[in-house]
Amino acid sequence: MDALEACFETHAPLIRSYVRRLVPAQDVDDVTQVVFAEVWRSRERYEPGRSLEAWLLGIARKRAIDHLRRARPVLPLEAAGEPVGADGRRDSDRIADRDLVRRALAALPDAQRQAIQLAYYGELSQREIAERLRVPLGTVKARTSRGLCLLAAMLEAA
């Protein structure tokens, strides 16, 4: 047991510091204790030619992950109910709006729809869109602007 005690005295600060980044502060000491209990139980698996610190940190990582998995609250599906939007409305309103936008996008000319989809859904910059479509940057800006104006008019009319 003297070897474990020496290992704990030498390496506990390293393990605590590492575990502190992974688990809540109030659980650091508990996880550190579990780590050193695991070190004692699996001491035969340590290879003296390899880094003791790396072996200890590997155990610490696994025990911290185990701790987080156990600590995650589980909510029964029946208790979840219907999801509510941020302002108290049901998500159905947002789904309907999303469907309306998709239908309006589909009605746009292909070039305008493509530019808008790459910008908003593909998260590309206008320069990246120009490179991908092999068109001048000004063309992408014009297509996007015209498409957004037409989209706004269609959505307002709906």
N, C-alpha and C. Protein backbone atom coordinates (compact mmCIF):
# COMPACT_ATOMS: atom_id res chain seq x y z
N MET A 1 0.82 -1.19 0.00
CA MET A 1 0.00 0.00 0.00
C MET A 1 0.86 1.25 0.00
N ASP A 2 2.12 1.16 0.40
CA ASP A 2 3.01 2.32 0.42
C ASP A 2 3.22 2.90 -0.99
N ALA A 3 3.26 2.02 -1.98
CA ALA A 3 3.45 2.49 -3.36
C ALA A 3 2.24 3.30 -3.81
N LEU A 4 1.04 2.84 -3.47
CA LEU A 4 -0.17 3.57 -3.84
C LEU A 4 -0.20 4.92 -3.12
N GLU A 5 0.19 4.92 -1.85
CA GLU A 5 0.21 6.17 -1.09
C GLU A 5 1.18 7.17 -1.71
N ALA A 6 2.36 6.69 -2.10
CA ALA A 6 3.35 7.56 -2.74
C ALA A 6 2.84 8.06 -4.09
N CYS A 7 2.18 7.16 -4.83
CA CYS A 7 1.61 7.54 -6.13
C CYS A 7 0.54 8.61 -5.93
N PHE A 8 -0.31 8.43 -4.91
CA PHE A 8 -1.36 9.40 -4.63
C PHE A 8 -0.76 10.75 -4.26
N GLU A 9 0.19 10.77 -3.36
CA GLU A 9 0.81 12.03 -2.93
C GLU A 9 1.47 12.76 -4.08
N THR A 10 2.09 11.99 -4.98
CA THR A 10 2.81 12.61 -6.09
C THR A 10 1.87 13.06 -7.21
N HIS A 11 0.88 12.25 -7.54
CA HIS A 11 0.10 12.48 -8.75
C HIS A 11 -1.33 12.97 -8.52
N ALA A 12 -1.81 13.01 -7.29
CA ALA A 12 -3.17 13.47 -7.04
C ALA A 12 -3.41 14.90 -7.53
N PRO A 13 -2.45 15.83 -7.34
CA PRO A 13 -2.70 17.19 -7.87
C PRO A 13 -2.90 17.20 -9.40
N LEU A 14 -2.13 16.39 -10.11
CA LEU A 14 -2.28 16.29 -11.57
C LEU A 14 -3.66 15.74 -11.92
N ILE A 15 -4.06 14.69 -11.24
CA ILE A 15 -5.36 14.06 -11.52
C ILE A 15 -6.50 15.02 -11.19
N ARG A 16 -6.41 15.69 -10.03
CA ARG A 16 -7.45 16.66 -9.66
C ARG A 16 -7.56 17.76 -10.70
N SER A 17 -6.42 18.27 -11.12
CA SER A 17 -6.40 19.35 -12.11
C SER A 17 -7.06 18.89 -13.42
N TYR A 18 -6.76 17.68 -13.84
CA TYR A 18 -7.33 17.14 -15.08
C TYR A 18 -8.84 16.90 -14.92
N VAL A 19 -9.23 16.27 -13.83
CA VAL A 19 -10.63 15.94 -13.59
C VAL A 19 -11.46 17.20 -13.43
N ARG A 20 -10.87 18.24 -12.87
CA ARG A 20 -11.58 19.52 -12.65
C ARG A 20 -12.10 20.08 -13.97
N ARG A 21 -11.42 19.79 -15.08
CA ARG A 21 -11.85 20.29 -16.38
C ARG A 21 -13.01 19.47 -16.96
N LEU A 22 -13.27 18.31 -16.36
CA LEU A 22 -14.27 17.41 -16.94
C LEU A 22 -15.57 17.30 -16.13
N VAL A 23 -15.47 17.39 -14.82
CA VAL A 23 -16.65 17.18 -13.98
C VAL A 23 -16.93 18.42 -13.14
N PRO A 24 -18.14 18.55 -12.59
CA PRO A 24 -18.44 19.69 -11.71
C PRO A 24 -17.47 19.74 -10.52
N ALA A 25 -17.20 20.94 -10.04
CA ALA A 25 -16.22 21.15 -8.97
C ALA A 25 -16.52 20.31 -7.73
N GLN A 26 -17.79 20.16 -7.38
CA GLN A 26 -18.12 19.41 -6.17
C GLN A 26 -17.84 17.92 -6.30
N ASP A 27 -17.59 17.43 -7.52
CA ASP A 27 -17.37 16.00 -7.74
C ASP A 27 -15.90 15.64 -7.97
N VAL A 28 -15.02 16.62 -7.98
CA VAL A 28 -13.61 16.37 -8.30
C VAL A 28 -12.97 15.39 -7.32
N ASP A 29 -13.15 15.60 -6.02
CA ASP A 29 -12.53 14.72 -5.03
C ASP A 29 -13.08 13.29 -5.13
N ASP A 30 -14.38 13.16 -5.36
CA ASP A 30 -14.97 11.83 -5.48
C ASP A 30 -14.39 11.08 -6.67
N VAL A 31 -14.31 11.75 -7.81
CA VAL A 31 -13.78 11.11 -9.01
C VAL A 31 -12.30 10.79 -8.82
N THR A 32 -11.56 11.67 -8.16
CA THR A 32 -10.14 11.40 -7.90
C THR A 32 -9.98 10.15 -7.04
N GLN A 33 -10.83 9.99 -6.03
CA GLN A 33 -10.78 8.78 -5.19
C GLN A 33 -11.07 7.53 -6.02
N VAL A 34 -12.05 7.62 -6.91
CA VAL A 34 -12.40 6.49 -7.76
C VAL A 34 -11.21 6.15 -8.67
N VAL A 35 -10.53 7.16 -9.16
CA VAL A 35 -9.38 6.94 -10.03
C VAL A 35 -8.31 6.14 -9.29
N PHE A 36 -7.98 6.55 -8.08
CA PHE A 36 -6.91 5.85 -7.36
C PHE A 36 -7.35 4.47 -6.87
N ALA A 37 -8.63 4.29 -6.64
CA ALA A 37 -9.12 2.93 -6.34
C ALA A 37 -8.94 2.03 -7.56
N GLU A 38 -9.23 2.59 -8.73
CA GLU A 38 -9.03 1.85 -9.98
C GLU A 38 -7.55 1.57 -10.21
N VAL A 39 -6.69 2.52 -9.88
CA VAL A 39 -5.24 2.32 -10.02
C VAL A 39 -4.83 1.12 -9.17
N TRP A 40 -5.33 1.06 -7.95
CA TRP A 40 -4.97 -0.05 -7.06
C TRP A 40 -5.48 -1.39 -7.61
N ARG A 41 -6.73 -1.40 -8.07
CA ARG A 41 -7.30 -2.65 -8.59
C ARG A 41 -6.62 -3.12 -9.87
N SER A 42 -6.16 -2.20 -10.69
CA SER A 42 -5.59 -2.60 -11.99
C SER A 42 -4.08 -2.39 -12.04
N ARG A 43 -3.43 -2.39 -10.91
CA ARG A 43 -1.98 -2.13 -10.86
C ARG A 43 -1.17 -3.13 -11.67
N GLU A 44 -1.67 -4.34 -11.86
CA GLU A 44 -0.93 -5.34 -12.65
C GLU A 44 -0.88 -4.97 -14.13
N ARG A 45 -1.81 -4.16 -14.58
CA ARG A 45 -1.85 -3.77 -16.00
C ARG A 45 -0.87 -2.67 -16.34
N TYR A 46 -0.32 -2.00 -15.34
CA TYR A 46 0.64 -0.93 -15.62
C TYR A 46 1.95 -1.54 -16.12
N GLU A 47 2.46 -0.96 -17.20
CA GLU A 47 3.73 -1.40 -17.77
C GLU A 47 4.81 -0.40 -17.35
N PRO A 48 5.79 -0.82 -16.55
CA PRO A 48 6.78 0.11 -16.00
C PRO A 48 7.57 0.89 -17.05
N GLY A 49 7.68 0.39 -18.25
CA GLY A 49 8.42 1.10 -19.30
C GLY A 49 7.64 2.27 -19.89
N ARG A 50 6.38 2.38 -19.56
CA ARG A 50 5.54 3.43 -20.12
C ARG A 50 5.31 4.54 -19.11
N SER A 51 4.77 5.64 -19.56
CA SER A 51 4.54 6.81 -18.71
C SER A 51 3.45 6.54 -17.68
N LEU A 52 3.79 6.68 -16.40
CA LEU A 52 2.82 6.52 -15.33
C LEU A 52 1.75 7.60 -15.41
N GLU A 53 2.17 8.85 -15.70
CA GLU A 53 1.22 9.95 -15.78
C GLU A 53 0.18 9.71 -16.86
N ALA A 54 0.63 9.24 -18.02
CA ALA A 54 -0.31 8.98 -19.12
C ALA A 54 -1.29 7.89 -18.73
N TRP A 55 -0.82 6.85 -18.06
CA TRP A 55 -1.69 5.75 -17.62
C TRP A 55 -2.72 6.26 -16.62
N LEU A 56 -2.26 7.07 -15.66
CA LEU A 56 -3.16 7.65 -14.66
C LEU A 56 -4.21 8.56 -15.31
N LEU A 57 -3.77 9.39 -16.25
CA LEU A 57 -4.70 10.30 -16.92
C LEU A 57 -5.72 9.55 -17.77
N GLY A 58 -5.30 8.44 -18.36
CA GLY A 58 -6.24 7.61 -19.12
C GLY A 58 -7.33 7.06 -18.22
N ILE A 59 -6.94 6.58 -17.05
CA ILE A 59 -7.92 6.08 -16.08
C ILE A 59 -8.81 7.23 -15.62
N ALA A 60 -8.22 8.38 -15.35
CA ALA A 60 -8.99 9.54 -14.88
C ALA A 60 -10.03 9.95 -15.92
N ARG A 61 -9.66 9.95 -17.17
CA ARG A 61 -10.60 10.32 -18.24
C ARG A 61 -11.78 9.35 -18.27
N LYS A 62 -11.48 8.07 -18.21
CA LYS A 62 -12.55 7.06 -18.26
C LYS A 62 -13.47 7.18 -17.05
N ARG A 63 -12.92 7.36 -15.88
CA ARG A 63 -13.76 7.46 -14.67
C ARG A 63 -14.56 8.76 -14.67
N ALA A 64 -14.02 9.84 -15.21
CA ALA A 64 -14.76 11.10 -15.29
C ALA A 64 -15.94 10.95 -16.25
N ILE A 65 -15.72 10.29 -17.36
CA ILE A 65 -16.80 10.05 -18.33
C ILE A 65 -17.88 9.17 -17.70
N ASP A 66 -17.46 8.13 -16.99
CA ASP A 66 -18.43 7.27 -16.30
C ASP A 66 -19.26 8.10 -15.31
N HIS A 67 -18.60 8.96 -14.58
CA HIS A 67 -19.28 9.80 -13.60
C HIS A 67 -20.31 10.70 -14.28
N LEU A 68 -19.93 11.32 -15.38
CA LEU A 68 -20.85 12.20 -16.10
C LEU A 68 -22.04 11.44 -16.66
N ARG A 69 -21.81 10.24 -17.13
CA ARG A 69 -22.91 9.44 -17.66
C ARG A 69 -23.90 9.08 -16.57
N ARG A 70 -23.40 8.75 -15.40
CA ARG A 70 -24.30 8.41 -14.29
C ARG A 70 -25.05 9.63 -13.78
N ALA A 71 -24.42 10.79 -13.86
CA ALA A 71 -25.01 12.01 -13.30
C ALA A 71 -26.06 12.63 -14.21
N ARG A 72 -26.10 12.24 -15.48
CA ARG A 72 -27.04 12.83 -16.43
C ARG A 72 -28.46 12.43 -16.07
N PRO A 73 -29.33 13.41 -15.83
CA PRO A 73 -30.71 13.06 -15.47
C PRO A 73 -31.45 12.47 -16.67
N VAL A 74 -32.29 11.51 -16.40
CA VAL A 74 -33.08 10.87 -17.44
C VAL A 74 -34.54 11.24 -17.21
N LEU A 75 -35.16 11.75 -18.24
CA LEU A 75 -36.55 12.16 -18.18
C LEU A 75 -37.38 11.17 -18.98
N PRO A 76 -38.38 10.57 -18.35
CA PRO A 76 -39.23 9.64 -19.11
C PRO A 76 -39.90 10.37 -20.27
N LEU A 77 -40.05 9.69 -21.39
CA LEU A 77 -40.62 10.29 -22.59
C LEU A 77 -42.02 10.83 -22.33
N GLU A 78 -42.79 10.13 -21.52
CA GLU A 78 -44.16 10.56 -21.23
C GLU A 78 -44.17 11.90 -20.49
N ALA A 79 -43.15 12.15 -19.67
CA ALA A 79 -43.10 13.38 -18.88
C ALA A 79 -42.68 14.58 -19.71
N ALA A 80 -42.10 14.33 -20.87
CA ALA A 80 -41.59 15.44 -21.69
C ALA A 80 -42.71 16.26 -22.29
N GLY A 81 -43.79 15.63 -22.72
CA GLY A 81 -44.91 16.37 -23.31
C GLY A 81 -44.54 17.01 -24.63
N GLU A 82 -45.36 17.95 -25.03
CA GLU A 82 -45.14 18.67 -26.29
C GLU A 82 -44.10 19.75 -26.09
N PRO A 83 -43.13 19.87 -27.01
CA PRO A 83 -42.17 20.96 -26.89
C PRO A 83 -42.85 22.31 -27.08
N VAL A 84 -42.44 23.28 -26.30
CA VAL A 84 -43.03 24.61 -26.35
C VAL A 84 -41.99 25.58 -26.89
N GLY A 85 -42.41 26.47 -27.78
CA GLY A 85 -41.51 27.47 -28.33
C GLY A 85 -41.09 28.47 -27.27
N ALA A 86 -40.13 29.32 -27.60
CA ALA A 86 -39.57 30.27 -26.64
C ALA A 86 -40.61 31.25 -26.12
N ASP A 87 -41.61 31.58 -26.94
CA ASP A 87 -42.62 32.54 -26.48
C ASP A 87 -43.90 31.86 -26.01
N GLY A 88 -43.86 30.57 -25.76
CA GLY A 88 -45.02 29.85 -25.25
C GLY A 88 -45.86 29.19 -26.32
N ARG A 89 -45.62 29.51 -27.59
CA ARG A 89 -46.38 28.86 -28.66
C ARG A 89 -45.82 27.46 -28.90
N ARG A 90 -46.64 26.62 -29.42
CA ARG A 90 -46.18 25.28 -29.79
C ARG A 90 -45.28 25.39 -31.02
N ASP A 91 -44.42 24.41 -31.17
CA ASP A 91 -43.52 24.41 -32.32
C ASP A 91 -44.26 24.29 -33.64
N SER A 92 -45.51 23.94 -33.62
CA SER A 92 -46.25 23.78 -34.88
C SER A 92 -46.29 25.08 -35.67
N ASP A 93 -46.36 26.22 -34.98
CA ASP A 93 -46.35 27.50 -35.68
C ASP A 93 -45.03 27.70 -36.43
N ARG A 94 -43.94 27.34 -35.76
CA ARG A 94 -42.63 27.50 -36.42
C ARG A 94 -42.48 26.52 -37.57
N ILE A 95 -43.03 25.32 -37.41
CA ILE A 95 -42.95 24.34 -38.49
C ILE A 95 -43.75 24.83 -39.70
N ALA A 96 -44.89 25.42 -39.45
CA ALA A 96 -45.71 25.97 -40.55
C ALA A 96 -44.96 27.10 -41.24
N ASP A 97 -44.32 27.97 -40.47
CA ASP A 97 -43.54 29.06 -41.07
C ASP A 97 -42.39 28.50 -41.90
N ARG A 98 -41.73 27.48 -41.39
CA ARG A 98 -40.62 26.87 -42.10
C ARG A 98 -41.10 26.27 -43.42
N ASP A 99 -42.27 25.65 -43.40
CA ASP A 99 -42.83 25.07 -44.62
C ASP A 99 -43.17 26.16 -45.63
N LEU A 100 -43.71 27.27 -45.15
CA LEU A 100 -44.04 28.40 -46.02
C LEU A 100 -42.77 28.94 -46.69
N VAL A 101 -41.69 29.07 -45.94
CA VAL A 101 -40.42 29.56 -46.49
C VAL A 101 -39.89 28.58 -47.53
N ARG A 102 -39.97 27.29 -47.25
CA ARG A 102 -39.48 26.30 -48.21
C ARG A 102 -40.26 26.34 -49.52
N ARG A 103 -41.59 26.50 -49.41
CA ARG A 103 -42.41 26.59 -50.62
C ARG A 103 -42.08 27.85 -51.41
N ALA A 104 -41.86 28.97 -50.71
CA ALA A 104 -41.51 30.22 -51.39
C ALA A 104 -40.14 30.10 -52.04
N LEU A 105 -39.20 29.46 -51.36
CA LEU A 105 -37.88 29.24 -51.96
C LEU A 105 -37.98 28.41 -53.24
N ALA A 106 -38.82 27.40 -53.21
CA ALA A 106 -38.98 26.54 -54.38
C ALA A 106 -39.54 27.30 -55.57
N ALA A 107 -40.29 28.38 -55.30
CA ALA A 107 -40.88 29.17 -56.38
C ALA A 107 -39.91 30.18 -56.99
N LEU A 108 -38.76 30.39 -56.34
CA LEU A 108 -37.78 31.34 -56.87
C LEU A 108 -37.12 30.79 -58.12
N PRO A 109 -36.59 31.67 -59.00
CA PRO A 109 -35.78 31.20 -60.12
C PRO A 109 -34.58 30.40 -59.58
N ASP A 110 -34.16 29.40 -60.33
CA ASP A 110 -33.10 28.49 -59.88
C ASP A 110 -31.84 29.22 -59.40
N ALA A 111 -31.37 30.18 -60.15
CA ALA A 111 -30.12 30.87 -59.81
C ALA A 111 -30.24 31.60 -58.47
N GLN A 112 -31.38 32.26 -58.26
CA GLN A 112 -31.59 32.99 -57.00
C GLN A 112 -31.74 32.02 -55.83
N ARG A 113 -32.51 30.96 -56.04
CA ARG A 113 -32.71 29.96 -54.98
C ARG A 113 -31.38 29.33 -54.59
N GLN A 114 -30.58 29.00 -55.57
CA GLN A 114 -29.29 28.36 -55.31
C GLN A 114 -28.38 29.28 -54.50
N ALA A 115 -28.33 30.54 -54.85
CA ALA A 115 -27.48 31.50 -54.11
C ALA A 115 -27.95 31.64 -52.66
N ILE A 116 -29.25 31.72 -52.46
CA ILE A 116 -29.79 31.87 -51.10
C ILE A 116 -29.57 30.59 -50.29
N GLN A 117 -29.80 29.45 -50.88
CA GLN A 117 -29.62 28.19 -50.15
C GLN A 117 -28.15 27.99 -49.76
N LEU A 118 -27.24 28.31 -50.66
CA LEU A 118 -25.82 28.17 -50.31
C LEU A 118 -25.42 29.14 -49.21
N ALA A 119 -26.00 30.32 -49.22
CA ALA A 119 -25.66 31.31 -48.19
C ALA A 119 -26.25 30.96 -46.84
N TYR A 120 -27.54 30.61 -46.80
CA TYR A 120 -28.23 30.41 -45.53
C TYR A 120 -28.18 28.98 -45.02
N TYR A 121 -28.33 28.01 -45.90
CA TYR A 121 -28.31 26.62 -45.45
C TYR A 121 -26.90 26.03 -45.55
N GLY A 122 -26.16 26.47 -46.55
CA GLY A 122 -24.79 25.98 -46.71
C GLY A 122 -23.78 26.77 -45.92
N GLU A 123 -24.21 27.92 -45.37
CA GLU A 123 -23.37 28.81 -44.56
C GLU A 123 -22.08 29.21 -45.28
N LEU A 124 -22.21 29.49 -46.57
CA LEU A 124 -21.07 29.94 -47.36
C LEU A 124 -21.10 31.46 -47.48
N SER A 125 -19.92 32.05 -47.57
CA SER A 125 -19.85 33.48 -47.83
C SER A 125 -20.17 33.72 -49.30
N GLN A 126 -20.43 34.98 -49.66
CA GLN A 126 -20.71 35.26 -51.06
C GLN A 126 -19.51 34.95 -51.95
N ARG A 127 -18.33 35.18 -51.43
CA ARG A 127 -17.12 34.86 -52.21
C ARG A 127 -17.02 33.34 -52.43
N GLU A 128 -17.33 32.55 -51.41
CA GLU A 128 -17.30 31.09 -51.55
C GLU A 128 -18.37 30.61 -52.52
N ILE A 129 -19.53 31.26 -52.51
CA ILE A 129 -20.59 30.90 -53.45
C ILE A 129 -20.14 31.20 -54.87
N ALA A 130 -19.52 32.35 -55.07
CA ALA A 130 -19.03 32.71 -56.41
C ALA A 130 -18.01 31.69 -56.91
N GLU A 131 -17.12 31.26 -56.03
CA GLU A 131 -16.13 30.26 -56.43
C GLU A 131 -16.79 28.92 -56.75
N ARG A 132 -17.75 28.52 -55.93
CA ARG A 132 -18.41 27.23 -56.15
C ARG A 132 -19.21 27.24 -57.45
N LEU A 133 -19.92 28.34 -57.72
CA LEU A 133 -20.77 28.42 -58.92
C LEU A 133 -20.01 28.88 -60.15
N ARG A 134 -18.77 29.33 -59.92
CA ARG A 134 -17.92 29.83 -61.01
C ARG A 134 -18.57 31.00 -61.73
N VAL A 135 -19.05 31.96 -60.92
CA VAL A 135 -19.63 33.20 -61.45
C VAL A 135 -18.98 34.36 -60.72
N PRO A 136 -19.05 35.58 -61.28
CA PRO A 136 -18.46 36.73 -60.59
C PRO A 136 -19.17 37.02 -59.27
N LEU A 137 -18.43 37.61 -58.35
CA LEU A 137 -18.96 37.94 -57.04
C LEU A 137 -20.18 38.86 -57.15
N GLY A 138 -20.13 39.83 -58.06
CA GLY A 138 -21.26 40.74 -58.25
C GLY A 138 -22.53 40.01 -58.67
N THR A 139 -22.37 38.95 -59.45
CA THR A 139 -23.51 38.15 -59.88
C THR A 139 -24.16 37.47 -58.68
N VAL A 140 -23.33 36.94 -57.79
CA VAL A 140 -23.86 36.29 -56.58
C VAL A 140 -24.60 37.31 -55.72
N LYS A 141 -24.03 38.50 -55.57
CA LYS A 141 -24.67 39.54 -54.76
C LYS A 141 -26.02 39.95 -55.36
N ALA A 142 -26.06 40.09 -56.68
CA ALA A 142 -27.30 40.48 -57.34
C ALA A 142 -28.35 39.38 -57.22
N ARG A 143 -27.95 38.12 -57.44
CA ARG A 143 -28.90 37.01 -57.33
C ARG A 143 -29.46 36.91 -55.91
N THR A 144 -28.59 37.06 -54.93
CA THR A 144 -29.02 36.96 -53.53
C THR A 144 -29.97 38.10 -53.19
N SER A 145 -29.62 39.31 -53.59
CA SER A 145 -30.45 40.47 -53.29
C SER A 145 -31.82 40.35 -53.95
N ARG A 146 -31.83 40.04 -55.24
CA ARG A 146 -33.11 39.91 -55.96
C ARG A 146 -33.94 38.78 -55.38
N GLY A 147 -33.28 37.68 -55.07
CA GLY A 147 -33.98 36.52 -54.52
C GLY A 147 -34.60 36.83 -53.16
N LEU A 148 -33.86 37.54 -52.30
CA LEU A 148 -34.40 37.88 -50.98
C LEU A 148 -35.57 38.86 -51.09
N CYS A 149 -35.49 39.81 -52.02
CA CYS A 149 -36.61 40.74 -52.22
C CYS A 149 -37.85 40.00 -52.70
N LEU A 150 -37.66 39.10 -53.65
CA LEU A 150 -38.78 38.33 -54.18
C LEU A 150 -39.34 37.39 -53.10
N LEU A 151 -38.47 36.80 -52.32
CA LEU A 151 -38.89 35.91 -51.23
C LEU A 151 -39.71 36.69 -50.19
N ALA A 152 -39.24 37.87 -49.84
CA ALA A 152 -39.96 38.70 -48.87
C ALA A 152 -41.35 39.06 -49.39
N ALA A 153 -41.43 39.38 -50.67
CA ALA A 153 -42.74 39.73 -51.26
C ALA A 153 -43.69 38.53 -51.24
N MET A 154 -43.16 37.33 -51.56
CA MET A 154 -43.99 36.14 -51.54
C MET A 154 -44.46 35.80 -50.14
N LEU A 155 -43.59 35.96 -49.17
CA LEU A 155 -43.97 35.64 -47.79
C LEU A 155 -44.96 36.65 -47.23
N GLU A 156 -44.81 37.89 -47.64
CA GLU A 156 -45.75 38.93 -47.18
C GLU A 156 -47.12 38.69 -47.78
N ALA A 157 -47.15 38.25 -49.03
CA ALA A 157 -48.43 37.99 -49.69
C ALA A 157 -49.12 36.78 -49.07
N ALA A 158 -48.33 35.83 -48.56
CA ALA A 158 -48.92 34.62 -47.95
C ALA A 158 -49.38 34.96 -46.56
